[in-house]
Amino acid sequence: MSNAFLHVGLNLDNKRILIVGAGTIALRKLKKLLNYSNNITVVSNEFDEEFEYINITKKKKDFDNSDLNNIDIVFICTDNVSLNEEIAKCCQEKNILYNNATSRNEMDFKMLATLEYDGYTISLSKDQNLKETTKFKKELEELLNKYKI
């Protein structure tokens, strides 16, 4: 059963979310998360410029284990694979759910591509192939709009 992920909806109300890293991937995840929560902290020693305009807690510093105190969910988004593995290990030890952006399977959960259509939320994933999933999402959206299904 390893590498088997159950697709679920997750209520983020009152969940404390930490994003480690502040680059392109972190920004993409943050933008999606902001639809569901504003209780988000980002820790990074550098921030992409666009973070400046987003109203969240930002800590410009290197990650340390104390950043995990009182956190429920972690998104690990640095470009340093060994650091990400270290953070993942800390999350495991503290029993904190985590998503590791530099791993295909070493994580507690994945963020799926979603398509909103006529009150439906459709979650999509294809064996961790983001490009194929994105292409399929676009094709499906075009079909739904074309035929008004």
Protein backbone atom coordinates (compact mmCIF):
# COMPACT_ATOMS: atom_id res chain seq x y z
CA MET A 1 0.00 0.00 0.00
CA SER A 2 2.99 2.36 -0.03
CA ASN A 3 2.66 5.35 -2.33
CA ALA A 4 -1.13 4.97 -2.34
CA PHE A 5 -2.87 8.29 -1.71
CA LEU A 6 -6.55 8.66 -0.84
CA HIS A 7 -8.21 11.66 -2.49
CA VAL A 8 -9.97 13.60 0.27
CA GLY A 9 -11.30 17.06 0.97
CA LEU A 10 -9.52 18.74 3.86
CA ASN A 11 -11.08 21.41 6.06
CA LEU A 12 -8.36 23.96 6.80
CA ASP A 13 -10.42 26.08 9.20
CA ASN A 14 -8.39 26.64 12.36
CA LYS A 15 -5.38 24.77 10.92
CA ARG A 16 -2.01 26.45 11.27
CA ILE A 17 -0.12 26.13 8.00
CA LEU A 18 3.59 26.59 7.44
CA ILE A 19 5.26 26.95 4.05
CA VAL A 20 9.03 26.59 4.05
CA GLY A 21 10.53 28.32 1.03
CA ALA A 22 9.32 31.32 -0.92
CA GLY A 23 9.99 30.62 -4.58
CA THR A 24 7.77 29.77 -7.53
CA ILE A 25 6.44 26.46 -6.18
CA ALA A 26 5.75 27.92 -2.74
CA LEU A 27 3.92 30.83 -4.36
CA ARG A 28 1.74 28.52 -6.45
CA LYS A 29 0.80 26.47 -3.38
CA LEU A 30 0.20 29.61 -1.32
CA LYS A 31 -2.18 31.08 -3.91
CA LYS A 32 -4.23 27.88 -3.86
CA LEU A 33 -4.20 27.69 -0.05
CA LEU A 34 -5.41 31.28 0.32
CA ASN A 35 -8.78 30.12 -1.04
CA TYR A 36 -9.16 27.96 2.06
CA SER A 37 -7.19 29.60 4.88
CA ASN A 38 -5.46 32.78 5.91
CA ASN A 39 -3.67 31.20 8.87
CA ILE A 40 -0.46 30.75 6.87
CA THR A 41 3.15 31.48 7.77
CA VAL A 42 5.99 31.42 5.25
CA VAL A 43 9.59 30.94 6.40
CA SER A 44 12.43 31.58 3.99
CA ASN A 45 15.75 33.39 3.88
CA GLU A 46 14.69 34.86 0.51
CA PHE A 47 11.25 35.80 -0.86
CA ASP A 48 10.14 36.17 -4.46
CA GLU A 49 8.89 39.71 -5.01
CA GLU A 50 5.24 38.70 -5.37
CA PHE A 51 5.12 37.56 -1.72
CA GLU A 52 5.48 41.20 -0.72
CA TYR A 53 1.91 41.89 -1.82
CA ILE A 54 0.27 38.94 -0.05
CA ASN A 55 -1.08 39.51 3.46
CA ILE A 56 0.33 36.55 5.40
CA THR A 57 2.91 36.11 8.14
CA LYS A 58 6.39 36.12 6.61
CA LYS A 59 9.56 35.24 8.50
CA LYS A 60 12.74 36.09 6.61
CA LYS A 61 15.15 33.59 8.15
CA ASP A 62 16.55 30.11 7.80
CA PHE A 63 14.25 27.28 8.87
CA ASP A 64 14.81 25.76 12.30
CA ASN A 65 12.86 23.07 14.13
CA SER A 66 11.11 25.60 16.38
CA ASP A 67 9.25 26.83 13.27
CA LEU A 68 7.20 23.62 13.54
CA ASN A 69 5.89 24.48 17.02
CA ASN A 70 2.09 24.80 17.01
CA ILE A 71 1.86 23.94 13.30
CA ASP A 72 -0.69 21.48 11.87
CA ILE A 73 0.33 21.22 8.21
CA VAL A 74 3.64 21.91 6.43
CA PHE A 75 4.42 22.53 2.78
CA ILE A 76 8.15 22.02 2.18
CA CYS A 77 9.07 24.02 -0.92
CA THR A 78 12.76 24.84 -0.89
CA ASP A 79 15.07 23.95 -3.76
CA ASN A 80 17.41 22.17 -1.32
CA VAL A 81 16.54 18.45 -1.42
CA SER A 82 18.58 17.54 1.67
CA LEU A 83 17.03 20.37 3.70
CA ASN A 84 13.58 19.28 2.56
CA GLU A 85 14.31 15.71 3.68
CA GLU A 86 15.49 17.03 7.06
CA ILE A 87 12.31 19.09 7.48
CA ALA A 88 10.19 16.07 6.45
CA LYS A 89 11.92 13.96 9.10
CA CYS A 90 11.19 16.62 11.75
CA CYS A 91 7.53 16.67 10.66
CA GLN A 92 7.36 12.88 10.96
CA GLU A 93 8.84 13.00 14.46
CA LYS A 94 6.30 15.63 15.51
CA ASN A 95 3.43 13.86 13.72
CA ILE A 96 2.73 16.88 11.51
CA LEU A 97 1.19 16.34 8.08
CA TYR A 98 3.58 17.46 5.37
CA ASN A 99 3.91 17.85 1.62
CA ASN A 100 7.43 17.73 0.18
CA ALA A 101 7.64 19.50 -3.18
CA THR A 102 10.93 17.81 -4.11
CA SER A 103 9.67 14.26 -3.66
CA ARG A 104 7.12 12.28 -5.64
CA ASN A 105 6.07 9.99 -2.81
CA GLU A 106 7.84 10.87 0.45
CA MET A 107 5.04 12.93 1.95
CA ASP A 108 1.77 12.57 3.85
CA PHE A 109 -0.41 14.19 1.19
CA LYS A 110 -0.37 15.65 -2.29
CA MET A 111 -2.05 18.73 -3.67
CA LEU A 112 -4.11 17.65 -6.64
CA ALA A 113 -5.00 19.72 -9.66
CA THR A 114 -8.59 20.88 -9.29
CA LEU A 115 -11.15 22.04 -11.77
CA GLU A 116 -14.16 24.06 -10.59
CA TYR A 117 -17.18 23.71 -12.84
CA ASP A 118 -20.88 24.42 -12.21
CA GLY A 119 -20.62 23.82 -8.47
CA TYR A 120 -18.47 20.72 -8.88
CA THR A 121 -14.87 20.39 -7.76
CA ILE A 122 -13.03 17.81 -9.80
CA SER A 123 -9.65 16.59 -8.52
CA LEU A 124 -7.13 15.31 -11.03
CA SER A 125 -3.85 13.44 -10.78
CA LYS A 126 -1.84 11.29 -13.18
CA ASP A 127 0.94 9.30 -11.57
CA GLN A 128 2.70 12.48 -10.49
CA ASN A 129 3.00 13.77 -14.03
CA LEU A 130 2.16 17.44 -13.53
CA LYS A 131 2.47 18.38 -17.21
CA GLU A 132 0.08 15.64 -18.33
CA THR A 133 -2.35 16.45 -15.51
CA THR A 134 -2.30 20.15 -16.43
CA LYS A 135 -2.87 19.35 -20.10
CA PHE A 136 -5.75 16.99 -19.28
CA LYS A 137 -7.30 19.59 -16.94
CA LYS A 138 -7.24 22.19 -19.72
CA GLU A 139 -8.74 19.74 -22.26
CA LEU A 140 -11.46 18.68 -19.81
CA GLU A 141 -12.30 22.30 -19.01
CA GLU A 142 -12.57 23.11 -22.72
CA LEU A 143 -14.89 20.13 -23.29
CA LEU A 144 -17.10 21.03 -20.34
CA ASN A 145 -17.40 24.62 -21.55
CA LYS A 146 -17.90 23.65 -25.19
CA TYR A 147 -20.70 21.18 -24.55
CA LYS A 148 -22.09 22.83 -21.40
CA ILE A 149 -22.18 19.43 -19.74
